[in-house]
Amino acid sequence: MTTGPVRRSAVLVAVGLLGALLPSGPAAAVPRTPVTAPHSPGPATTATTVTLVTGDKVTVTDLGHGKKAVTVQRPKGATGAVRTQRSAGEISVVPDEALPYLRAGTLDRRLFDVSGLIRQGLTDARAAATPLIVTYGRSARAAPPAGTEQTRSLPSLRGAAVEAGKGRTFWRSSPTATASTRCGWTAG
């Protein structure tokens, strides 16, 4: 074991290096704040809600850079799931309970085109009702379905232009449940 000048030199070199690496004087007493890039807020998010004729509330949130988040709030009494489809920037949301009517042709698919509804200003913030055209077959009674208000008679179509409230009353009245009633879209 060495205890002479070599060990003393090694200790002095270590202390010298440590002293050179540590700050001294008044600057040593000032706490350092990490340097970060200036905070730039992310893109502003814009949320738009549309209520479908089924009573489902669909909220589309623009996240910026072409990205959108879609959430669906199901109404009380709704059954099944919802199918969200995105194609070429367009969003549609179809509840399972609407599928049989869409397949039978008694319900217009555009009623579930969320992007189209937003473009036409039929958001919950701007419109209290959804404009529809209801047509009746020969055996159906020509009366506006529950949850709607007739805005115009369309005798040549054996139907009416109606406005469906944003709740689920219209859907529960099931105008599409009979093969002799059709529910379609009108451009307000």
N, C-alpha and C. Protein backbone atom coordinates (compact mmCIF):
# COMPACT_ATOMS: atom_id res chain seq x y z
N MET A 1 0.83 -1.16 0.00
CA MET A 1 0.00 0.00 0.00
C MET A 1 0.89 1.23 0.00
N THR A 2 0.50 2.21 -0.83
CA THR A 2 1.29 3.42 -0.96
C THR A 2 0.64 4.53 -0.16
N THR A 3 1.44 5.20 0.67
CA THR A 3 0.90 6.28 1.48
C THR A 3 1.69 7.56 1.32
N GLY A 4 2.63 7.54 0.47
CA GLY A 4 3.52 8.67 0.34
C GLY A 4 3.01 9.70 -0.65
N PRO A 5 3.96 10.32 -1.34
CA PRO A 5 3.64 11.42 -2.23
C PRO A 5 2.75 11.03 -3.39
N VAL A 6 2.75 9.77 -3.82
CA VAL A 6 1.91 9.37 -4.96
C VAL A 6 0.44 9.46 -4.58
N ARG A 7 0.10 8.96 -3.42
CA ARG A 7 -1.30 9.00 -3.01
C ARG A 7 -1.74 10.46 -2.80
N ARG A 8 -0.88 11.27 -2.21
CA ARG A 8 -1.21 12.65 -1.98
C ARG A 8 -1.42 13.36 -3.31
N SER A 9 -0.64 13.04 -4.32
CA SER A 9 -0.77 13.64 -5.66
C SER A 9 -2.10 13.25 -6.29
N ALA A 10 -2.48 11.99 -6.13
CA ALA A 10 -3.74 11.52 -6.71
C ALA A 10 -4.92 12.24 -6.06
N VAL A 11 -4.86 12.45 -4.74
CA VAL A 11 -5.95 13.13 -4.04
C VAL A 11 -5.99 14.58 -4.49
N LEU A 12 -4.86 15.22 -4.64
CA LEU A 12 -4.83 16.61 -5.08
C LEU A 12 -5.35 16.76 -6.50
N VAL A 13 -5.01 15.84 -7.38
CA VAL A 13 -5.52 15.88 -8.75
C VAL A 13 -7.04 15.72 -8.75
N ALA A 14 -7.55 14.80 -7.97
CA ALA A 14 -9.01 14.59 -7.91
C ALA A 14 -9.70 15.83 -7.36
N VAL A 15 -9.16 16.43 -6.32
CA VAL A 15 -9.76 17.63 -5.75
C VAL A 15 -9.66 18.77 -6.75
N GLY A 16 -8.57 18.87 -7.47
CA GLY A 16 -8.40 19.90 -8.48
C GLY A 16 -9.42 19.76 -9.60
N LEU A 17 -9.64 18.55 -10.07
CA LEU A 17 -10.64 18.32 -11.12
C LEU A 17 -12.04 18.65 -10.62
N LEU A 18 -12.33 18.24 -9.42
CA LEU A 18 -13.64 18.52 -8.85
C LEU A 18 -13.85 20.03 -8.72
N GLY A 19 -12.86 20.75 -8.27
CA GLY A 19 -12.95 22.19 -8.15
C GLY A 19 -13.12 22.87 -9.50
N ALA A 20 -12.48 22.36 -10.52
CA ALA A 20 -12.59 22.95 -11.85
C ALA A 20 -13.97 22.71 -12.45
N LEU A 21 -14.59 21.59 -12.12
CA LEU A 21 -15.89 21.23 -12.71
C LEU A 21 -17.07 21.89 -11.98
N LEU A 22 -16.91 22.19 -10.70
CA LEU A 22 -18.01 22.80 -9.94
C LEU A 22 -17.94 24.31 -10.02
N PRO A 23 -19.10 24.98 -10.22
CA PRO A 23 -19.06 26.44 -10.25
C PRO A 23 -18.77 26.99 -8.86
N SER A 24 -18.16 28.15 -8.83
CA SER A 24 -17.87 28.76 -7.54
C SER A 24 -18.31 30.21 -7.57
N GLY A 25 -18.34 30.84 -6.44
CA GLY A 25 -18.71 32.24 -6.35
C GLY A 25 -20.21 32.40 -6.33
N PRO A 26 -20.71 33.66 -6.61
CA PRO A 26 -22.14 33.95 -6.51
C PRO A 26 -22.98 33.15 -7.50
N ALA A 27 -22.45 32.78 -8.65
CA ALA A 27 -23.23 32.02 -9.63
C ALA A 27 -23.59 30.64 -9.11
N ALA A 28 -22.77 30.13 -8.21
CA ALA A 28 -23.03 28.80 -7.69
C ALA A 28 -24.26 28.79 -6.80
N ALA A 29 -24.62 29.90 -6.20
CA ALA A 29 -25.75 29.95 -5.29
C ALA A 29 -27.08 30.16 -6.00
N VAL A 30 -27.07 30.55 -7.26
CA VAL A 30 -28.30 30.81 -8.00
C VAL A 30 -28.85 29.48 -8.53
N PRO A 31 -30.10 29.15 -8.19
CA PRO A 31 -30.65 27.89 -8.72
C PRO A 31 -30.83 27.98 -10.23
N ARG A 32 -30.55 26.91 -10.87
CA ARG A 32 -30.68 26.88 -12.33
C ARG A 32 -32.09 26.50 -12.73
N THR A 33 -32.61 27.18 -13.72
CA THR A 33 -33.92 26.88 -14.29
C THR A 33 -33.68 26.19 -15.62
N PRO A 34 -34.32 25.06 -15.85
CA PRO A 34 -34.09 24.40 -17.13
C PRO A 34 -34.52 25.29 -18.29
N VAL A 35 -33.74 25.26 -19.34
CA VAL A 35 -34.04 26.04 -20.53
C VAL A 35 -34.94 25.20 -21.42
N THR A 36 -36.10 25.75 -21.75
CA THR A 36 -37.02 25.04 -22.63
C THR A 36 -37.41 25.96 -23.77
N ALA A 37 -37.86 25.35 -24.83
CA ALA A 37 -38.33 26.12 -25.97
C ALA A 37 -39.60 26.86 -25.56
N PRO A 38 -39.84 28.03 -26.13
CA PRO A 38 -41.08 28.74 -25.80
C PRO A 38 -42.27 27.84 -26.06
N HIS A 39 -43.25 27.88 -25.14
CA HIS A 39 -44.43 27.03 -25.26
C HIS A 39 -45.35 27.58 -26.34
N SER A 40 -45.62 26.73 -27.30
CA SER A 40 -46.58 27.13 -28.33
C SER A 40 -47.78 26.22 -28.18
N PRO A 41 -48.95 26.79 -28.01
CA PRO A 41 -50.14 25.96 -27.84
C PRO A 41 -50.37 25.13 -29.09
N GLY A 42 -50.92 23.93 -28.88
CA GLY A 42 -51.24 23.07 -30.02
C GLY A 42 -52.38 23.70 -30.81
N PRO A 43 -52.74 23.05 -31.88
CA PRO A 43 -53.82 23.60 -32.68
C PRO A 43 -55.10 23.69 -31.86
N ALA A 44 -55.85 24.73 -32.09
CA ALA A 44 -57.12 24.90 -31.38
C ALA A 44 -58.06 23.78 -31.77
N THR A 45 -58.76 23.24 -30.79
CA THR A 45 -59.72 22.18 -31.08
C THR A 45 -61.11 22.79 -31.17
N THR A 46 -61.84 22.33 -32.14
CA THR A 46 -63.20 22.80 -32.34
C THR A 46 -64.11 21.57 -32.30
N ALA A 47 -65.09 21.60 -31.41
CA ALA A 47 -66.03 20.48 -31.29
C ALA A 47 -67.38 20.91 -31.83
N THR A 48 -67.98 20.06 -32.65
CA THR A 48 -69.30 20.30 -33.24
C THR A 48 -70.17 19.09 -32.97
N THR A 49 -71.39 19.32 -32.46
CA THR A 49 -72.29 18.22 -32.14
C THR A 49 -73.50 18.24 -33.06
N VAL A 50 -73.86 17.06 -33.54
CA VAL A 50 -75.03 16.85 -34.40
C VAL A 50 -75.85 15.73 -33.77
N THR A 51 -77.17 15.93 -33.68
CA THR A 51 -78.04 14.86 -33.19
C THR A 51 -78.69 14.19 -34.39
N LEU A 52 -78.50 12.88 -34.50
CA LEU A 52 -79.09 12.10 -35.59
C LEU A 52 -80.58 11.86 -35.33
N VAL A 53 -81.31 11.41 -36.34
CA VAL A 53 -82.74 11.16 -36.17
C VAL A 53 -83.01 10.05 -35.16
N THR A 54 -82.01 9.25 -34.86
CA THR A 54 -82.14 8.19 -33.85
C THR A 54 -81.98 8.73 -32.44
N GLY A 55 -81.58 10.01 -32.31
CA GLY A 55 -81.33 10.61 -31.01
C GLY A 55 -79.88 10.52 -30.57
N ASP A 56 -79.05 9.84 -31.35
CA ASP A 56 -77.63 9.74 -31.02
C ASP A 56 -76.96 11.10 -31.22
N LYS A 57 -76.18 11.54 -30.23
CA LYS A 57 -75.45 12.80 -30.33
C LYS A 57 -74.02 12.49 -30.75
N VAL A 58 -73.65 13.00 -31.92
CA VAL A 58 -72.32 12.76 -32.47
C VAL A 58 -71.52 14.05 -32.35
N THR A 59 -70.37 13.98 -31.69
CA THR A 59 -69.50 15.14 -31.55
C THR A 59 -68.23 14.88 -32.35
N VAL A 60 -67.94 15.81 -33.26
CA VAL A 60 -66.74 15.74 -34.08
C VAL A 60 -65.81 16.85 -33.58
N THR A 61 -64.63 16.46 -33.16
CA THR A 61 -63.64 17.42 -32.66
C THR A 61 -62.50 17.51 -33.66
N ASP A 62 -62.27 18.70 -34.18
CA ASP A 62 -61.17 18.93 -35.12
C ASP A 62 -59.90 19.09 -34.30
N LEU A 63 -58.96 18.16 -34.48
CA LEU A 63 -57.72 18.17 -33.73
C LEU A 63 -56.60 18.88 -34.47
N GLY A 64 -56.91 19.37 -35.67
CA GLY A 64 -55.90 20.04 -36.48
C GLY A 64 -55.15 19.05 -37.35
N HIS A 65 -54.47 19.56 -38.32
CA HIS A 65 -53.67 18.75 -39.25
C HIS A 65 -54.49 17.65 -39.92
N GLY A 66 -55.78 17.92 -40.16
CA GLY A 66 -56.64 16.96 -40.85
C GLY A 66 -57.14 15.82 -39.98
N LYS A 67 -56.87 15.85 -38.69
CA LYS A 67 -57.31 14.77 -37.81
C LYS A 67 -58.56 15.19 -37.05
N LYS A 68 -59.49 14.24 -36.90
CA LYS A 68 -60.74 14.50 -36.19
C LYS A 68 -61.03 13.33 -35.27
N ALA A 69 -61.58 13.66 -34.11
CA ALA A 69 -62.04 12.65 -33.17
C ALA A 69 -63.56 12.63 -33.22
N VAL A 70 -64.13 11.43 -33.18
CA VAL A 70 -65.59 11.29 -33.22
C VAL A 70 -66.03 10.54 -31.97
N THR A 71 -66.99 11.13 -31.24
CA THR A 71 -67.57 10.45 -30.09
C THR A 71 -69.08 10.43 -30.27
N VAL A 72 -69.69 9.38 -29.77
CA VAL A 72 -71.14 9.22 -29.90
C VAL A 72 -71.73 8.99 -28.52
N GLN A 73 -72.72 9.80 -28.18
CA GLN A 73 -73.47 9.62 -26.93
C GLN A 73 -74.80 8.98 -27.29
N ARG A 74 -74.99 7.75 -26.86
CA ARG A 74 -76.22 7.02 -27.17
C ARG A 74 -77.37 7.52 -26.31
N PRO A 75 -78.57 7.63 -26.88
CA PRO A 75 -79.72 8.05 -26.08
C PRO A 75 -80.24 6.91 -25.22
N LYS A 76 -80.99 7.27 -24.21
CA LYS A 76 -81.61 6.26 -23.35
C LYS A 76 -82.51 5.38 -24.21
N GLY A 77 -82.41 4.08 -24.02
CA GLY A 77 -83.24 3.14 -24.76
C GLY A 77 -82.66 2.69 -26.09
N ALA A 78 -81.51 3.22 -26.48
CA ALA A 78 -80.89 2.80 -27.74
C ALA A 78 -80.36 1.38 -27.60
N THR A 79 -80.40 0.65 -28.71
CA THR A 79 -79.90 -0.73 -28.70
C THR A 79 -78.81 -0.88 -29.75
N GLY A 80 -77.95 -1.85 -29.51
CA GLY A 80 -76.89 -2.14 -30.48
C GLY A 80 -75.74 -1.14 -30.38
N ALA A 81 -74.85 -1.26 -31.34
CA ALA A 81 -73.66 -0.41 -31.40
C ALA A 81 -73.85 0.65 -32.46
N VAL A 82 -72.84 1.46 -32.65
CA VAL A 82 -72.83 2.43 -33.74
C VAL A 82 -71.61 2.15 -34.61
N ARG A 83 -71.75 2.41 -35.88
CA ARG A 83 -70.66 2.20 -36.82
C ARG A 83 -70.24 3.56 -37.36
N THR A 84 -68.97 3.89 -37.14
CA THR A 84 -68.42 5.14 -37.64
C THR A 84 -67.56 4.82 -38.84
N GLN A 85 -67.80 5.53 -39.93
CA GLN A 85 -67.04 5.31 -41.15
C GLN A 85 -66.43 6.63 -41.60
N ARG A 86 -65.17 6.56 -41.99
CA ARG A 86 -64.46 7.72 -42.54
C ARG A 86 -63.98 7.34 -43.92
N SER A 87 -64.31 8.19 -44.87
CA SER A 87 -63.89 7.95 -46.25
C SER A 87 -63.67 9.29 -46.92
N ALA A 88 -62.47 9.50 -47.43
CA ALA A 88 -62.12 10.74 -48.13
C ALA A 88 -62.45 11.97 -47.28
N GLY A 89 -62.19 11.89 -45.98
CA GLY A 89 -62.44 13.02 -45.10
C GLY A 89 -63.88 13.17 -44.64
N GLU A 90 -64.77 12.33 -45.12
CA GLU A 90 -66.19 12.39 -44.74
C GLU A 90 -66.46 11.41 -43.61
N ILE A 91 -67.33 11.82 -42.70
CA ILE A 91 -67.66 10.98 -41.54
C ILE A 91 -69.14 10.64 -41.57
N SER A 92 -69.43 9.36 -41.41
CA SER A 92 -70.83 8.94 -41.24
C SER A 92 -70.90 8.05 -40.00
N VAL A 93 -72.02 8.14 -39.30
CA VAL A 93 -72.24 7.35 -38.09
C VAL A 93 -73.61 6.70 -38.22
N VAL A 94 -73.64 5.37 -38.20
CA VAL A 94 -74.89 4.64 -38.36
C VAL A 94 -75.12 3.72 -37.17
N PRO A 95 -76.16 3.99 -36.38
CA PRO A 95 -76.51 3.07 -35.30
C PRO A 95 -77.05 1.76 -35.87
N ASP A 96 -76.75 0.66 -35.20
CA ASP A 96 -77.24 -0.65 -35.65
C ASP A 96 -78.74 -0.69 -35.85
N GLU A 97 -79.48 0.01 -34.98
CA GLU A 97 -80.93 -0.05 -35.07
C GLU A 97 -81.48 0.60 -36.35
N ALA A 98 -80.65 1.39 -37.05
CA ALA A 98 -81.09 2.00 -38.31
C ALA A 98 -80.79 1.11 -39.52
N LEU A 99 -79.92 0.13 -39.36
CA LEU A 99 -79.48 -0.70 -40.49
C LEU A 99 -80.62 -1.39 -41.24
N PRO A 100 -81.59 -2.00 -40.56
CA PRO A 100 -82.66 -2.68 -41.32
C PRO A 100 -83.44 -1.72 -42.22
N TYR A 101 -83.66 -0.49 -41.75
CA TYR A 101 -84.40 0.50 -42.53
C TYR A 101 -83.58 1.03 -43.70
N LEU A 102 -82.29 1.14 -43.49
CA LEU A 102 -81.40 1.56 -44.59
C LEU A 102 -81.37 0.49 -45.67
N ARG A 103 -81.25 -0.76 -45.25
CA ARG A 103 -81.21 -1.87 -46.21
C ARG A 103 -82.53 -2.01 -46.98
N ALA A 104 -83.64 -1.72 -46.30
CA ALA A 104 -84.96 -1.84 -46.94
C ALA A 104 -85.26 -0.63 -47.83
N GLY A 105 -84.44 0.42 -47.72
CA GLY A 105 -84.67 1.61 -48.52
C GLY A 105 -85.74 2.53 -47.97
N THR A 106 -86.15 2.33 -46.73
CA THR A 106 -87.17 3.20 -46.13
C THR A 106 -86.55 4.36 -45.35
N LEU A 107 -85.24 4.38 -45.26
CA LEU A 107 -84.53 5.43 -44.56
C LEU A 107 -83.35 5.86 -45.42
N ASP A 108 -83.15 7.15 -45.57
CA ASP A 108 -82.10 7.70 -46.42
C ASP A 108 -80.76 7.71 -45.68
N ARG A 109 -79.73 7.18 -46.31
CA ARG A 109 -78.39 7.09 -45.72
C ARG A 109 -77.82 8.48 -45.39
N ARG A 110 -78.23 9.51 -46.13
CA ARG A 110 -77.70 10.87 -45.88
C ARG A 110 -78.08 11.42 -44.51
N LEU A 111 -79.08 10.81 -43.87
CA LEU A 111 -79.45 11.23 -42.53
C LEU A 111 -78.36 10.91 -41.51
N PHE A 112 -77.39 10.09 -41.90
CA PHE A 112 -76.29 9.67 -41.03
C PHE A 112 -74.94 10.18 -41.52
N ASP A 113 -74.97 11.04 -42.54
CA ASP A 113 -73.77 11.67 -43.08
C ASP A 113 -73.44 12.87 -42.20
N VAL A 114 -72.66 12.65 -41.16
CA VAL A 114 -72.38 13.68 -40.17
C VAL A 114 -71.67 14.87 -40.81
N SER A 115 -70.73 14.62 -41.70
CA SER A 115 -70.03 15.73 -42.37
C SER A 115 -71.01 16.58 -43.17
N GLY A 116 -71.94 15.94 -43.86
CA GLY A 116 -72.95 16.66 -44.63
C GLY A 116 -73.89 17.47 -43.74
N LEU A 117 -74.29 16.89 -42.62
CA LEU A 117 -75.16 17.61 -41.68
C LEU A 117 -74.45 18.85 -41.14
N ILE A 118 -73.17 18.72 -40.84
CA ILE A 118 -72.40 19.86 -40.33
C ILE A 118 -72.28 20.93 -41.42
N ARG A 119 -71.95 20.52 -42.64
CA ARG A 119 -71.82 21.49 -43.74
C ARG A 119 -73.10 22.27 -43.97
N GLN A 120 -74.24 21.61 -43.78
CA GLN A 120 -75.53 22.26 -44.01
C GLN A 120 -76.01 23.06 -42.80
N GLY A 121 -75.21 23.12 -41.76
CA GLY A 121 -75.57 23.93 -40.60
C GLY A 121 -76.58 23.27 -39.69
N LEU A 122 -76.72 21.96 -39.76
CA LEU A 122 -77.71 21.27 -38.94
C LEU A 122 -77.09 20.76 -37.64
N THR A 123 -76.19 21.56 -37.07
CA THR A 123 -75.56 21.23 -35.80
C THR A 123 -76.51 21.60 -34.67
N ASP A 124 -76.27 21.04 -33.51
CA ASP A 124 -77.13 21.33 -32.37
C ASP A 124 -77.07 22.81 -31.99
N ALA A 125 -75.93 23.45 -32.23
CA ALA A 125 -75.79 24.86 -31.88
C ALA A 125 -76.56 25.78 -32.83
N ARG A 126 -76.82 25.31 -34.05
CA ARG A 126 -77.44 26.20 -35.05
C ARG A 126 -78.86 25.81 -35.44
N ALA A 127 -79.27 24.58 -35.23
CA ALA A 127 -80.60 24.14 -35.67
C ALA A 127 -81.29 23.35 -34.56
N ALA A 128 -82.53 23.71 -34.30
CA ALA A 128 -83.30 23.03 -33.25
C ALA A 128 -83.97 21.76 -33.76
N ALA A 129 -83.99 21.57 -35.09
CA ALA A 129 -84.66 20.41 -35.68
C ALA A 129 -83.94 19.99 -36.95
N THR A 130 -84.25 18.78 -37.40
CA THR A 130 -83.69 18.26 -38.65
C THR A 130 -84.79 18.22 -39.70
N PRO A 131 -84.59 18.89 -40.83
CA PRO A 131 -85.63 18.85 -41.87
C PRO A 131 -85.62 17.50 -42.60
N LEU A 132 -86.82 16.97 -42.81
CA LEU A 132 -86.99 15.67 -43.47
C LEU A 132 -88.12 15.73 -44.48
N ILE A 133 -88.11 14.78 -45.39
CA ILE A 133 -89.27 14.54 -46.25
C ILE A 133 -89.77 13.16 -45.90
N VAL A 134 -91.02 13.08 -45.51
CA VAL A 134 -91.65 11.80 -45.19
C VAL A 134 -92.68 11.53 -46.27
N THR A 135 -92.58 10.35 -46.88
CA THR A 135 -93.57 9.97 -47.90
C THR A 135 -94.35 8.77 -47.38
N TYR A 136 -95.60 8.68 -47.84
CA TYR A 136 -96.50 7.63 -47.36
C TYR A 136 -96.96 6.78 -48.52
N GLY A 137 -96.98 5.48 -48.29
CA GLY A 137 -97.53 4.58 -49.30
C GLY A 137 -99.05 4.65 -49.28
N ARG A 138 -99.66 3.93 -50.19
CA ARG A 138 -101.12 3.98 -50.32
C ARG A 138 -101.84 3.54 -49.04
N SER A 139 -101.26 2.59 -48.33
CA SER A 139 -101.96 2.07 -47.15
C SER A 139 -101.62 2.86 -45.88
N ALA A 140 -100.68 3.79 -45.94
CA ALA A 140 -100.29 4.53 -44.74
C ALA A 140 -101.15 5.77 -44.56
N ARG A 141 -101.38 6.12 -43.32
CA ARG A 141 -102.11 7.34 -42.99
C ARG A 141 -101.17 8.52 -43.18
N ALA A 142 -101.58 9.52 -43.96
CA ALA A 142 -100.74 10.67 -44.27
C ALA A 142 -100.80 11.69 -43.15
N ALA A 143 -100.06 11.43 -42.09
CA ALA A 143 -100.00 12.34 -40.95
C ALA A 143 -98.54 12.43 -40.51
N PRO A 144 -98.12 13.59 -40.08
CA PRO A 144 -96.73 13.72 -39.64
C PRO A 144 -96.46 12.79 -38.46
N PRO A 145 -95.32 12.13 -38.45
CA PRO A 145 -94.98 11.24 -37.34
C PRO A 145 -94.81 12.02 -36.03
N ALA A 146 -94.96 11.33 -34.92
CA ALA A 146 -94.74 11.95 -33.61
C ALA A 146 -93.32 12.50 -33.55
N GLY A 147 -93.16 13.62 -32.88
CA GLY A 147 -91.83 14.22 -32.76
C GLY A 147 -91.45 15.09 -33.94
N THR A 148 -92.41 15.32 -34.86
CA THR A 148 -92.13 16.18 -36.01
C THR A 148 -93.19 17.26 -36.10
N GLU A 149 -92.85 18.28 -36.84
CA GLU A 149 -93.81 19.33 -37.13
C GLU A 149 -93.83 19.50 -38.64
N GLN A 150 -95.01 19.41 -39.24
CA GLN A 150 -95.12 19.56 -40.68
C GLN A 150 -94.89 21.01 -41.08
N THR A 151 -94.00 21.20 -42.07
CA THR A 151 -93.72 22.55 -42.55
C THR A 151 -94.31 22.79 -43.93
N ARG A 152 -94.62 21.69 -44.63
CA ARG A 152 -95.18 21.83 -45.97
C ARG A 152 -95.78 20.50 -46.42
N SER A 153 -96.92 20.59 -47.06
CA SER A 153 -97.54 19.40 -47.63
C SER A 153 -96.95 19.17 -49.02
N LEU A 154 -96.71 17.92 -49.35
CA LEU A 154 -96.17 17.56 -50.66
C LEU A 154 -97.09 16.52 -51.31
N PRO A 155 -98.28 16.96 -51.78
CA PRO A 155 -99.26 16.01 -52.29
C PRO A 155 -98.77 15.22 -53.50
N SER A 156 -97.94 15.82 -54.35
CA SER A 156 -97.46 15.09 -55.53
C SER A 156 -96.57 13.92 -55.13
N LEU A 157 -95.96 13.99 -53.95
CA LEU A 157 -95.14 12.89 -53.45
C LEU A 157 -95.89 12.00 -52.47
N ARG A 158 -97.14 12.39 -52.18
CA ARG A 158 -97.92 11.77 -51.11
C ARG A 158 -97.08 11.77 -49.84
N GLY A 159 -96.67 13.01 -49.48
CA GLY A 159 -95.81 13.15 -48.32
C GLY A 159 -95.84 14.55 -47.75
N ALA A 160 -94.85 14.82 -46.93
CA ALA A 160 -94.78 16.13 -46.27
C ALA A 160 -93.32 16.45 -45.93
N ALA A 161 -93.03 17.74 -45.93
CA ALA A 161 -91.77 18.21 -45.39
C ALA A 161 -92.03 18.44 -43.90
N VAL A 162 -91.18 17.87 -43.07
CA VAL A 162 -91.35 17.98 -41.63
C VAL A 162 -90.01 18.36 -41.00
N GLU A 163 -90.10 18.82 -39.77
CA GLU A 163 -88.90 19.05 -38.98
C GLU A 163 -88.96 18.13 -37.78
N ALA A 164 -87.94 17.29 -37.64
CA ALA A 164 -87.87 16.35 -36.52
C ALA A 164 -87.08 16.98 -35.39
N GLY A 165 -87.65 16.96 -34.19
CA GLY A 165 -86.95 17.47 -33.02
C GLY A 165 -85.68 16.68 -32.76
N LYS A 166 -84.78 17.24 -31.97
CA LYS A 166 -83.48 16.63 -31.74
C LYS A 166 -83.52 15.46 -30.76
N GLY A 167 -84.63 15.18 -30.17
CA GLY A 167 -84.71 14.06 -29.22
C GLY A 167 -84.92 12.74 -29.94
N ARG A 168 -85.44 11.78 -29.21
CA ARG A 168 -85.65 10.42 -29.74
C ARG A 168 -87.12 10.14 -30.06
N THR A 169 -87.99 11.12 -29.84
CA THR A 169 -89.43 10.92 -30.04
C THR A 169 -89.73 10.48 -31.46
N PHE A 170 -89.15 11.15 -32.44
CA PHE A 170 -89.39 10.79 -33.84
C PHE A 170 -88.99 9.34 -34.10
N TRP A 171 -87.83 8.95 -33.64
CA TRP A 171 -87.35 7.59 -33.90
C TRP A 171 -88.23 6.56 -33.23
N ARG A 172 -88.68 6.83 -32.01
CA ARG A 172 -89.54 5.88 -31.31
C ARG A 172 -90.90 5.74 -31.96
N SER A 173 -91.34 6.78 -32.67
CA SER A 173 -92.64 6.68 -33.34
C SER A 173 -92.53 5.76 -34.56
N SER A 174 -91.32 5.42 -34.94
CA SER A 174 -91.02 4.46 -36.01
C SER A 174 -91.77 4.68 -37.31
N PRO A 175 -91.62 5.83 -37.94
CA PRO A 175 -92.27 6.02 -39.23
C PRO A 175 -91.69 5.08 -40.27
N THR A 176 -90.48 4.61 -40.02
CA THR A 176 -89.84 3.72 -40.99
C THR A 176 -90.18 2.26 -40.71
N ALA A 177 -90.94 2.01 -39.67
CA ALA A 177 -91.23 0.62 -39.30
C ALA A 177 -92.22 -0.04 -40.25
N THR A 178 -92.98 0.75 -40.98
CA THR A 178 -93.91 0.15 -41.93
C THR A 178 -93.34 0.28 -43.33
N ALA A 179 -93.54 -0.70 -44.12
CA ALA A 179 -93.00 -0.69 -45.48
C ALA A 179 -93.63 0.40 -46.33
N SER A 180 -94.74 0.96 -45.87
CA SER A 180 -95.43 1.97 -46.70
C SER A 180 -95.04 3.41 -46.33
N THR A 181 -94.07 3.58 -45.44
CA THR A 181 -93.62 4.92 -45.07
C THR A 181 -92.13 5.01 -45.34
N ARG A 182 -91.71 6.11 -45.97
CA ARG A 182 -90.30 6.34 -46.24
C ARG A 182 -89.89 7.66 -45.61
N CYS A 183 -88.66 7.70 -45.12
CA CYS A 183 -88.14 8.92 -44.50
C CYS A 183 -86.87 9.29 -45.24
N GLY A 184 -86.85 10.51 -45.76
CA GLY A 184 -85.70 10.94 -46.52
C GLY A 184 -85.22 12.29 -46.10
N TRP A 185 -84.34 12.79 -46.87
CA TRP A 185 -83.61 14.01 -46.56
C TRP A 185 -84.14 15.19 -47.35
N THR A 186 -84.15 16.32 -46.73
CA THR A 186 -84.40 17.55 -47.44
C THR A 186 -83.30 18.53 -47.08
N ALA A 187 -82.91 19.36 -47.98
CA ALA A 187 -81.80 20.27 -47.74
C ALA A 187 -82.29 21.55 -47.08
N GLY A 188 -83.10 21.43 -46.05
CA GLY A 188 -83.54 22.55 -45.24
C GLY A 188 -84.25 23.57 -46.03
